[in-house]
Amino acid sequence: MSAASDAKRMFVENLNSFGNEQNQPEKYNLYLGLIYLAASVEQIQQDLEQVKQLLAKRY
């Protein structure tokens, strides 16, 4: 697992534990935003790995 995957998992745990949308919308939005950010980093890492593999095949 990558650091981004670990971070996303931890943010999901925090959202489920502390991110009540009605009572604490700031925490809810914070953790949800961090989840999306970690997911984006994870996707970038996957895309970069694919680019590296394609470049390795070309050279």
N, C-alpha and C. Protein backbone atom coordinates (compact mmCIF):
# COMPACT_ATOMS: atom_id res chain seq x y z
N MET A 1 0.83 -1.19 0.00
CA MET A 1 0.00 0.00 0.00
C MET A 1 0.87 1.25 0.00
N SER A 2 0.42 2.23 -0.70
CA SER A 2 1.18 3.48 -0.76
C SER A 2 0.79 4.40 0.40
N ALA A 3 1.59 5.41 0.57
CA ALA A 3 1.29 6.40 1.62
C ALA A 3 -0.04 7.09 1.33
N ALA A 4 -0.34 7.32 0.04
CA ALA A 4 -1.61 7.96 -0.31
C ALA A 4 -2.79 7.06 0.05
N SER A 5 -2.65 5.77 -0.17
CA SER A 5 -3.71 4.82 0.19
C SER A 5 -3.92 4.78 1.70
N ASP A 6 -2.80 4.76 2.42
CA ASP A 6 -2.90 4.77 3.88
C ASP A 6 -3.57 6.05 4.38
N ALA A 7 -3.17 7.18 3.79
CA ALA A 7 -3.76 8.46 4.21
C ALA A 7 -5.26 8.48 3.93
N LYS A 8 -5.64 7.99 2.75
CA LYS A 8 -7.06 7.97 2.39
C LYS A 8 -7.85 7.11 3.38
N ARG A 9 -7.31 5.97 3.73
CA ARG A 9 -7.98 5.08 4.69
C ARG A 9 -8.14 5.76 6.04
N MET A 10 -7.11 6.47 6.49
CA MET A 10 -7.17 7.16 7.77
C MET A 10 -8.17 8.31 7.74
N PHE A 11 -8.21 9.03 6.63
CA PHE A 11 -9.18 10.13 6.51
C PHE A 11 -10.61 9.61 6.50
N VAL A 12 -10.81 8.45 5.87
CA VAL A 12 -12.15 7.84 5.87
C VAL A 12 -12.53 7.45 7.30
N GLU A 13 -11.59 6.88 8.04
CA GLU A 13 -11.86 6.54 9.44
C GLU A 13 -12.24 7.77 10.24
N ASN A 14 -11.49 8.86 10.04
CA ASN A 14 -11.79 10.10 10.76
C ASN A 14 -13.13 10.67 10.35
N LEU A 15 -13.45 10.61 9.08
CA LEU A 15 -14.74 11.11 8.62
C LEU A 15 -15.87 10.33 9.27
N ASN A 16 -15.71 9.02 9.33
CA ASN A 16 -16.75 8.19 9.94
C ASN A 16 -16.86 8.41 11.45
N SER A 17 -15.74 8.72 12.09
CA SER A 17 -15.74 8.90 13.54
C SER A 17 -16.10 10.32 13.98
N PHE A 18 -15.62 11.31 13.25
CA PHE A 18 -15.72 12.68 13.72
C PHE A 18 -16.42 13.64 12.77
N GLY A 19 -16.73 13.22 11.57
CA GLY A 19 -17.23 14.13 10.56
C GLY A 19 -18.73 14.12 10.40
N ASN A 20 -19.43 14.53 11.42
CA ASN A 20 -20.88 14.60 11.33
C ASN A 20 -21.28 15.80 10.47
N GLU A 21 -21.96 15.51 9.36
CA GLU A 21 -22.30 16.57 8.40
C GLU A 21 -23.22 17.63 9.00
N GLN A 22 -24.10 17.23 9.88
CA GLN A 22 -25.05 18.17 10.47
C GLN A 22 -24.46 18.97 11.64
N ASN A 23 -23.78 18.27 12.54
CA ASN A 23 -23.28 18.91 13.76
C ASN A 23 -21.91 19.56 13.60
N GLN A 24 -21.08 18.99 12.72
CA GLN A 24 -19.72 19.51 12.53
C GLN A 24 -19.40 19.58 11.04
N PRO A 25 -20.05 20.47 10.34
CA PRO A 25 -19.84 20.52 8.89
C PRO A 25 -18.40 20.88 8.50
N GLU A 26 -17.69 21.62 9.34
CA GLU A 26 -16.31 21.97 9.03
C GLU A 26 -15.43 20.72 9.00
N LYS A 27 -15.57 19.87 10.03
CA LYS A 27 -14.79 18.64 10.06
C LYS A 27 -15.20 17.70 8.93
N TYR A 28 -16.49 17.63 8.68
CA TYR A 28 -16.99 16.78 7.60
C TYR A 28 -16.36 17.22 6.27
N ASN A 29 -16.40 18.51 5.98
CA ASN A 29 -15.84 19.02 4.73
C ASN A 29 -14.33 18.84 4.68
N LEU A 30 -13.66 19.04 5.81
CA LEU A 30 -12.22 18.87 5.87
C LEU A 30 -11.84 17.43 5.53
N TYR A 31 -12.43 16.47 6.22
CA TYR A 31 -12.07 15.07 5.98
C TYR A 31 -12.48 14.62 4.58
N LEU A 32 -13.62 15.07 4.10
CA LEU A 32 -14.03 14.70 2.75
C LEU A 32 -13.07 15.28 1.72
N GLY A 33 -12.67 16.52 1.92
CA GLY A 33 -11.69 17.13 1.01
C GLY A 33 -10.35 16.41 1.05
N LEU A 34 -9.92 16.00 2.22
CA LEU A 34 -8.66 15.27 2.34
C LEU A 34 -8.76 13.90 1.67
N ILE A 35 -9.92 13.27 1.75
CA ILE A 35 -10.13 11.99 1.07
C ILE A 35 -9.98 12.18 -0.44
N TYR A 36 -10.62 13.21 -0.97
CA TYR A 36 -10.52 13.48 -2.41
C TYR A 36 -9.09 13.82 -2.81
N LEU A 37 -8.40 14.57 -1.98
CA LEU A 37 -7.01 14.92 -2.26
C LEU A 37 -6.12 13.67 -2.28
N ALA A 38 -6.28 12.81 -1.29
CA ALA A 38 -5.48 11.58 -1.24
C ALA A 38 -5.81 10.68 -2.42
N ALA A 39 -7.08 10.60 -2.81
CA ALA A 39 -7.47 9.79 -3.96
C ALA A 39 -6.84 10.34 -5.24
N SER A 40 -6.76 11.65 -5.35
CA SER A 40 -6.14 12.27 -6.53
C SER A 40 -4.65 11.97 -6.58
N VAL A 41 -3.99 12.05 -5.44
CA VAL A 41 -2.56 11.72 -5.37
C VAL A 41 -2.36 10.26 -5.75
N GLU A 42 -3.21 9.41 -5.26
CA GLU A 42 -3.13 7.98 -5.58
C GLU A 42 -3.27 7.77 -7.09
N GLN A 43 -4.21 8.46 -7.73
CA GLN A 43 -4.41 8.34 -9.17
C GLN A 43 -3.21 8.85 -9.94
N ILE A 44 -2.63 9.96 -9.49
CA ILE A 44 -1.44 10.50 -10.14
C ILE A 44 -0.29 9.51 -10.05
N GLN A 45 -0.14 8.87 -8.90
CA GLN A 45 0.92 7.87 -8.74
C GLN A 45 0.71 6.71 -9.71
N GLN A 46 -0.52 6.25 -9.87
CA GLN A 46 -0.81 5.16 -10.80
C GLN A 46 -0.53 5.58 -12.24
N ASP A 47 -0.96 6.79 -12.58
CA ASP A 47 -0.72 7.29 -13.94
C ASP A 47 0.77 7.43 -14.22
N LEU A 48 1.52 7.92 -13.26
CA LEU A 48 2.97 8.06 -13.42
C LEU A 48 3.62 6.70 -13.62
N GLU A 49 3.17 5.72 -12.88
CA GLU A 49 3.73 4.37 -13.05
C GLU A 49 3.45 3.83 -14.45
N GLN A 50 2.26 4.11 -14.99
CA GLN A 50 1.95 3.69 -16.35
C GLN A 50 2.84 4.38 -17.36
N VAL A 51 3.08 5.67 -17.17
CA VAL A 51 3.96 6.41 -18.06
C VAL A 51 5.37 5.83 -18.02
N LYS A 52 5.85 5.53 -16.83
CA LYS A 52 7.18 4.93 -16.69
C LYS A 52 7.27 3.61 -17.43
N GLN A 53 6.23 2.79 -17.31
CA GLN A 53 6.22 1.51 -18.00
C GLN A 53 6.22 1.68 -19.51
N LEU A 54 5.45 2.63 -20.00
CA LEU A 54 5.41 2.88 -21.44
C LEU A 54 6.76 3.40 -21.94
N LEU A 55 7.38 4.26 -21.19
CA LEU A 55 8.70 4.77 -21.57
C LEU A 55 9.74 3.67 -21.55
N ALA A 56 9.66 2.78 -20.60
CA ALA A 56 10.61 1.67 -20.51
C ALA A 56 10.48 0.75 -21.73
N LYS A 57 9.28 0.60 -22.25
CA LYS A 57 9.08 -0.25 -23.44
C LYS A 57 9.63 0.41 -24.69
N ARG A 58 9.62 1.74 -24.72
CA ARG A 58 10.09 2.46 -25.90
C ARG A 58 11.61 2.48 -25.99
N TYR A 59 12.28 2.41 -24.87
CA TYR A 59 13.74 2.56 -24.89
C TYR A 59 14.41 1.33 -24.42
